[in-house]
Amino acid sequence: MNTPIEINNAPAIVERFGFWPEFGDDEISEIHLDRAETSLSFTVDAIQYAEKNCQILFKCKSIKRLSIDGFNHQNVISKITFRQEDDGYLKILVASSFGVQIQCSCKTASVSILD
């Protein structure tokens, strides 16, 4: 998959893994909502990549639309996709194999590696 250029700090993920992953079979371990920033943060346990395992923090700011469904004790990702919407917002979809599914439209998004 190509690096989503609309995600701040995306090159750090490519540098870590050698490519931009879809995060299939990784898990969301934490979700945080902040009403002051109208932001969503979620932590992905990237465990499918041998010695490069890590946690990745996704942060979505200035949220316009948000749907979170099915959060439970195990939240396995099918894949994460990004799409620029006609109104300039970024749509992020976290498709689920089991557990939580997230749909979010935001002005900006970023990723950071938590070691």
N, C-alpha and C. Protein backbone atom coordinates (compact mmCIF):
# COMPACT_ATOMS: atom_id res chain seq x y z
N MET A 1 0.84 -1.18 0.00
CA MET A 1 0.00 0.00 0.00
C MET A 1 0.88 1.24 0.00
N ASN A 2 0.49 2.26 -0.73
CA ASN A 2 1.22 3.52 -0.74
C ASN A 2 1.03 4.27 0.56
N THR A 3 2.02 5.08 0.91
CA THR A 3 1.93 5.90 2.10
C THR A 3 0.83 6.93 1.92
N PRO A 4 -0.09 7.03 2.89
CA PRO A 4 -1.11 8.07 2.79
C PRO A 4 -0.50 9.44 3.09
N ILE A 5 -0.28 10.24 2.08
CA ILE A 5 0.44 11.51 2.24
C ILE A 5 -0.32 12.50 3.13
N GLU A 6 -1.61 12.29 3.30
CA GLU A 6 -2.39 13.22 4.12
C GLU A 6 -2.27 12.93 5.62
N ILE A 7 -1.49 11.94 6.00
CA ILE A 7 -1.28 11.60 7.41
C ILE A 7 0.07 12.15 7.85
N ASN A 8 0.05 13.07 8.80
CA ASN A 8 1.30 13.64 9.32
C ASN A 8 2.15 12.54 9.95
N ASN A 9 3.42 12.55 9.65
CA ASN A 9 4.43 11.62 10.17
C ASN A 9 4.31 10.20 9.59
N ALA A 10 3.54 10.01 8.53
CA ALA A 10 3.41 8.69 7.90
C ALA A 10 4.77 8.11 7.47
N PRO A 11 5.72 8.94 6.99
CA PRO A 11 7.02 8.36 6.61
C PRO A 11 7.73 7.60 7.75
N ALA A 12 7.45 7.96 9.00
CA ALA A 12 8.07 7.24 10.13
C ALA A 12 7.60 5.79 10.18
N ILE A 13 6.36 5.55 9.78
CA ILE A 13 5.83 4.18 9.77
C ILE A 13 6.50 3.39 8.64
N VAL A 14 6.64 4.02 7.48
CA VAL A 14 7.31 3.37 6.35
C VAL A 14 8.76 3.07 6.70
N GLU A 15 9.41 3.99 7.38
CA GLU A 15 10.80 3.76 7.78
C GLU A 15 10.90 2.58 8.75
N ARG A 16 9.95 2.46 9.64
CA ARG A 16 9.97 1.37 10.63
C ARG A 16 9.77 0.00 9.98
N PHE A 17 8.77 -0.10 9.07
CA PHE A 17 8.39 -1.39 8.51
C PHE A 17 8.90 -1.64 7.09
N GLY A 18 9.31 -0.58 6.41
CA GLY A 18 9.74 -0.73 5.01
C GLY A 18 8.60 -0.55 4.03
N PHE A 19 7.40 -0.31 4.52
CA PHE A 19 6.20 -0.12 3.71
C PHE A 19 5.10 0.44 4.62
N TRP A 20 3.99 0.89 4.00
CA TRP A 20 2.84 1.31 4.79
C TRP A 20 1.91 0.11 4.94
N PRO A 21 1.73 -0.42 6.16
CA PRO A 21 0.90 -1.61 6.33
C PRO A 21 -0.60 -1.29 6.31
N GLU A 22 -1.41 -2.32 6.13
CA GLU A 22 -2.86 -2.18 6.24
C GLU A 22 -3.31 -2.46 7.68
N PHE A 23 -2.42 -2.97 8.50
CA PHE A 23 -2.65 -3.26 9.92
C PHE A 23 -3.61 -4.44 10.13
N GLY A 24 -3.76 -5.30 9.13
CA GLY A 24 -4.60 -6.50 9.25
C GLY A 24 -4.10 -7.42 10.35
N ASP A 25 -4.97 -7.87 11.22
CA ASP A 25 -4.71 -8.74 12.36
C ASP A 25 -4.00 -8.06 13.51
N ASP A 26 -3.69 -6.76 13.38
CA ASP A 26 -3.21 -6.00 14.54
C ASP A 26 -4.43 -5.65 15.39
N GLU A 27 -4.20 -5.10 16.58
CA GLU A 27 -5.31 -4.84 17.48
C GLU A 27 -5.30 -3.42 18.02
N ILE A 28 -6.51 -2.88 18.21
CA ILE A 28 -6.67 -1.59 18.89
C ILE A 28 -6.79 -1.88 20.38
N SER A 29 -5.88 -1.31 21.16
CA SER A 29 -5.88 -1.56 22.60
C SER A 29 -6.46 -0.40 23.40
N GLU A 30 -6.55 0.77 22.77
CA GLU A 30 -6.97 1.94 23.53
C GLU A 30 -7.62 2.96 22.59
N ILE A 31 -8.68 3.61 23.09
CA ILE A 31 -9.36 4.69 22.37
C ILE A 31 -9.55 5.84 23.35
N HIS A 32 -9.28 7.06 22.87
CA HIS A 32 -9.43 8.24 23.73
C HIS A 32 -10.13 9.34 22.94
N LEU A 33 -11.15 9.95 23.53
CA LEU A 33 -11.84 11.09 22.93
C LEU A 33 -11.55 12.33 23.77
N ASP A 34 -11.29 13.45 23.11
CA ASP A 34 -11.00 14.72 23.79
C ASP A 34 -11.95 15.78 23.26
N ARG A 35 -12.87 16.22 24.07
CA ARG A 35 -13.86 17.19 23.59
C ARG A 35 -13.27 18.58 23.40
N ALA A 36 -12.22 18.93 24.14
CA ALA A 36 -11.60 20.24 23.98
C ALA A 36 -10.97 20.40 22.58
N GLU A 37 -10.36 19.34 22.08
CA GLU A 37 -9.74 19.35 20.74
C GLU A 37 -10.67 18.78 19.68
N THR A 38 -11.83 18.29 20.09
CA THR A 38 -12.67 17.45 19.22
C THR A 38 -11.78 16.46 18.47
N SER A 39 -11.08 15.65 19.27
CA SER A 39 -10.13 14.70 18.67
C SER A 39 -10.39 13.28 19.16
N LEU A 40 -9.92 12.36 18.35
CA LEU A 40 -9.95 10.93 18.63
C LEU A 40 -8.51 10.44 18.54
N SER A 41 -8.09 9.66 19.52
CA SER A 41 -6.81 8.96 19.45
C SER A 41 -7.08 7.48 19.67
N PHE A 42 -6.37 6.65 18.92
CA PHE A 42 -6.46 5.23 19.17
C PHE A 42 -5.08 4.61 18.98
N THR A 43 -4.81 3.61 19.82
CA THR A 43 -3.52 2.94 19.81
C THR A 43 -3.66 1.57 19.17
N VAL A 44 -2.79 1.31 18.19
CA VAL A 44 -2.76 0.03 17.51
C VAL A 44 -1.53 -0.73 17.97
N ASP A 45 -1.75 -1.96 18.45
CA ASP A 45 -0.65 -2.85 18.78
C ASP A 45 -0.24 -3.55 17.49
N ALA A 46 0.81 -3.05 16.86
CA ALA A 46 1.30 -3.60 15.59
C ALA A 46 2.17 -4.81 15.91
N ILE A 47 1.57 -5.99 15.87
CA ILE A 47 2.23 -7.21 16.35
C ILE A 47 2.54 -8.21 15.25
N GLN A 48 2.27 -7.85 14.02
CA GLN A 48 2.42 -8.79 12.89
C GLN A 48 3.78 -8.68 12.19
N TYR A 49 4.71 -7.95 12.77
CA TYR A 49 5.91 -7.58 12.02
C TYR A 49 7.21 -8.00 12.70
N ALA A 50 7.22 -9.20 13.28
CA ALA A 50 8.41 -9.81 13.89
C ALA A 50 9.11 -8.85 14.84
N GLU A 51 10.37 -8.59 14.64
CA GLU A 51 11.16 -7.78 15.56
C GLU A 51 10.80 -6.29 15.50
N LYS A 52 9.93 -5.90 14.60
CA LYS A 52 9.55 -4.49 14.45
C LYS A 52 8.25 -4.16 15.18
N ASN A 53 7.76 -5.08 16.02
CA ASN A 53 6.53 -4.84 16.76
C ASN A 53 6.61 -3.54 17.54
N CYS A 54 5.49 -2.85 17.63
CA CYS A 54 5.43 -1.59 18.37
C CYS A 54 3.97 -1.20 18.55
N GLN A 55 3.76 -0.12 19.26
CA GLN A 55 2.44 0.49 19.33
C GLN A 55 2.47 1.76 18.48
N ILE A 56 1.37 2.00 17.78
CA ILE A 56 1.25 3.17 16.92
C ILE A 56 0.04 3.97 17.38
N LEU A 57 0.26 5.24 17.63
CA LEU A 57 -0.82 6.14 18.03
C LEU A 57 -1.32 6.90 16.82
N PHE A 58 -2.60 6.73 16.51
CA PHE A 58 -3.27 7.50 15.47
C PHE A 58 -4.04 8.62 16.16
N LYS A 59 -3.92 9.84 15.66
CA LYS A 59 -4.66 10.96 16.25
C LYS A 59 -5.40 11.70 15.14
N CYS A 60 -6.70 11.90 15.34
CA CYS A 60 -7.57 12.58 14.39
C CYS A 60 -8.09 13.84 15.06
N LYS A 61 -7.82 15.01 14.47
CA LYS A 61 -8.22 16.28 15.09
C LYS A 61 -9.30 16.97 14.27
N SER A 62 -10.06 17.80 14.96
CA SER A 62 -11.16 18.56 14.36
C SER A 62 -12.14 17.61 13.66
N ILE A 63 -12.73 16.75 14.45
CA ILE A 63 -13.64 15.73 13.94
C ILE A 63 -14.98 16.35 13.55
N LYS A 64 -15.45 15.95 12.38
CA LYS A 64 -16.77 16.36 11.91
C LYS A 64 -17.78 15.23 12.12
N ARG A 65 -17.39 14.01 11.81
CA ARG A 65 -18.25 12.84 11.98
C ARG A 65 -17.43 11.73 12.65
N LEU A 66 -18.11 10.96 13.52
CA LEU A 66 -17.42 9.88 14.21
C LEU A 66 -18.42 8.78 14.55
N SER A 67 -18.02 7.55 14.28
CA SER A 67 -18.80 6.38 14.67
C SER A 67 -17.83 5.34 15.22
N ILE A 68 -18.14 4.87 16.43
CA ILE A 68 -17.35 3.81 17.07
C ILE A 68 -18.34 2.74 17.49
N ASP A 69 -18.09 1.51 17.06
CA ASP A 69 -19.03 0.45 17.36
C ASP A 69 -18.28 -0.85 17.69
N GLY A 70 -18.70 -1.50 18.76
CA GLY A 70 -18.24 -2.86 19.05
C GLY A 70 -16.98 -2.99 19.87
N PHE A 71 -16.50 -1.92 20.54
CA PHE A 71 -15.27 -2.03 21.34
C PHE A 71 -15.46 -3.08 22.43
N ASN A 72 -14.50 -3.98 22.54
CA ASN A 72 -14.59 -5.01 23.58
C ASN A 72 -13.20 -5.45 24.02
N HIS A 73 -13.09 -6.66 24.53
CA HIS A 73 -11.82 -7.17 25.09
C HIS A 73 -10.78 -7.49 24.02
N GLN A 74 -11.19 -7.64 22.78
CA GLN A 74 -10.25 -7.91 21.68
C GLN A 74 -10.77 -7.19 20.45
N ASN A 75 -9.96 -6.33 19.86
CA ASN A 75 -10.39 -5.46 18.77
C ASN A 75 -9.44 -5.62 17.59
N VAL A 76 -9.70 -6.65 16.79
CA VAL A 76 -8.80 -7.03 15.71
C VAL A 76 -9.16 -6.27 14.44
N ILE A 77 -8.15 -5.66 13.84
CA ILE A 77 -8.33 -4.85 12.63
C ILE A 77 -8.30 -5.74 11.39
N SER A 78 -9.19 -5.45 10.47
CA SER A 78 -9.13 -6.07 9.15
C SER A 78 -8.19 -5.23 8.28
N LYS A 79 -8.45 -3.91 8.22
CA LYS A 79 -7.53 -2.97 7.59
C LYS A 79 -7.95 -1.55 7.92
N ILE A 80 -7.02 -0.62 7.74
CA ILE A 80 -7.29 0.80 7.94
C ILE A 80 -7.13 1.48 6.59
N THR A 81 -8.15 2.24 6.19
CA THR A 81 -8.10 2.96 4.91
C THR A 81 -8.31 4.45 5.15
N PHE A 82 -7.79 5.24 4.20
CA PHE A 82 -7.85 6.69 4.26
C PHE A 82 -8.35 7.21 2.92
N ARG A 83 -9.22 8.22 2.97
CA ARG A 83 -9.74 8.80 1.73
C ARG A 83 -10.01 10.28 1.95
N GLN A 84 -9.58 11.08 1.00
CA GLN A 84 -9.88 12.51 1.05
C GLN A 84 -11.31 12.71 0.56
N GLU A 85 -12.14 13.41 1.34
CA GLU A 85 -13.52 13.66 0.97
C GLU A 85 -13.61 14.95 0.15
N ASP A 86 -14.71 15.12 -0.56
CA ASP A 86 -14.91 16.30 -1.40
C ASP A 86 -14.88 17.60 -0.61
N ASP A 87 -15.28 17.56 0.66
CA ASP A 87 -15.31 18.78 1.48
C ASP A 87 -13.96 19.09 2.14
N GLY A 88 -12.91 18.32 1.79
CA GLY A 88 -11.58 18.57 2.33
C GLY A 88 -11.25 17.77 3.58
N TYR A 89 -12.25 17.14 4.16
CA TYR A 89 -11.99 16.32 5.34
C TYR A 89 -11.37 14.99 4.93
N LEU A 90 -10.68 14.38 5.86
CA LEU A 90 -10.06 13.08 5.66
C LEU A 90 -10.94 12.02 6.31
N LYS A 91 -11.35 11.01 5.55
CA LYS A 91 -12.14 9.93 6.11
C LYS A 91 -11.23 8.75 6.43
N ILE A 92 -11.32 8.29 7.66
CA ILE A 92 -10.54 7.15 8.13
C ILE A 92 -11.52 6.05 8.49
N LEU A 93 -11.30 4.87 7.94
CA LEU A 93 -12.14 3.72 8.26
C LEU A 93 -11.25 2.62 8.82
N VAL A 94 -11.57 2.20 10.03
CA VAL A 94 -10.91 1.05 10.64
C VAL A 94 -11.90 -0.10 10.55
N ALA A 95 -11.68 -0.97 9.57
CA ALA A 95 -12.55 -2.13 9.40
C ALA A 95 -12.13 -3.22 10.39
N SER A 96 -13.11 -3.93 10.88
CA SER A 96 -12.88 -4.89 11.96
C SER A 96 -13.01 -6.33 11.50
N SER A 97 -12.11 -7.17 12.01
CA SER A 97 -12.29 -8.62 11.92
C SER A 97 -13.08 -9.10 13.12
N PHE A 98 -12.87 -8.43 14.26
CA PHE A 98 -13.56 -8.75 15.49
C PHE A 98 -13.43 -7.54 16.41
N GLY A 99 -14.53 -7.11 16.99
CA GLY A 99 -14.48 -5.99 17.93
C GLY A 99 -14.77 -4.66 17.27
N VAL A 100 -14.03 -3.66 17.66
CA VAL A 100 -14.35 -2.28 17.31
C VAL A 100 -14.18 -1.97 15.82
N GLN A 101 -15.10 -1.17 15.33
CA GLN A 101 -14.99 -0.57 13.99
C GLN A 101 -15.11 0.94 14.18
N ILE A 102 -14.27 1.70 13.48
CA ILE A 102 -14.26 3.15 13.62
C ILE A 102 -14.41 3.78 12.25
N GLN A 103 -15.28 4.81 12.16
CA GLN A 103 -15.36 5.67 10.99
C GLN A 103 -15.23 7.09 11.49
N CYS A 104 -14.33 7.84 10.89
CA CYS A 104 -14.04 9.19 11.37
C CYS A 104 -13.76 10.11 10.19
N SER A 105 -14.34 11.31 10.21
CA SER A 105 -13.98 12.36 9.27
C SER A 105 -13.37 13.49 10.06
N CYS A 106 -12.13 13.88 9.70
CA CYS A 106 -11.41 14.88 10.47
C CYS A 106 -10.62 15.81 9.55
N LYS A 107 -10.22 16.95 10.09
CA LYS A 107 -9.42 17.91 9.32
C LYS A 107 -7.98 17.43 9.17
N THR A 108 -7.39 16.91 10.25
CA THR A 108 -6.00 16.46 10.19
C THR A 108 -5.85 15.14 10.94
N ALA A 109 -4.87 14.36 10.51
CA ALA A 109 -4.55 13.10 11.19
C ALA A 109 -3.05 12.93 11.25
N SER A 110 -2.60 12.26 12.29
CA SER A 110 -1.16 12.00 12.45
C SER A 110 -0.96 10.62 13.05
N VAL A 111 0.25 10.13 12.90
CA VAL A 111 0.66 8.87 13.53
C VAL A 111 1.98 9.08 14.24
N SER A 112 2.17 8.33 15.31
CA SER A 112 3.47 8.33 15.99
C SER A 112 3.71 6.94 16.55
N ILE A 113 4.96 6.57 16.61
CA ILE A 113 5.35 5.26 17.11
C ILE A 113 5.64 5.40 18.61
N LEU A 114 5.01 4.51 19.38
CA LEU A 114 5.22 4.45 20.83
C LEU A 114 6.04 3.20 21.11
N ASP A 115 7.25 3.35 21.58
CA ASP A 115 8.08 2.17 21.86
C ASP A 115 8.04 1.75 23.28
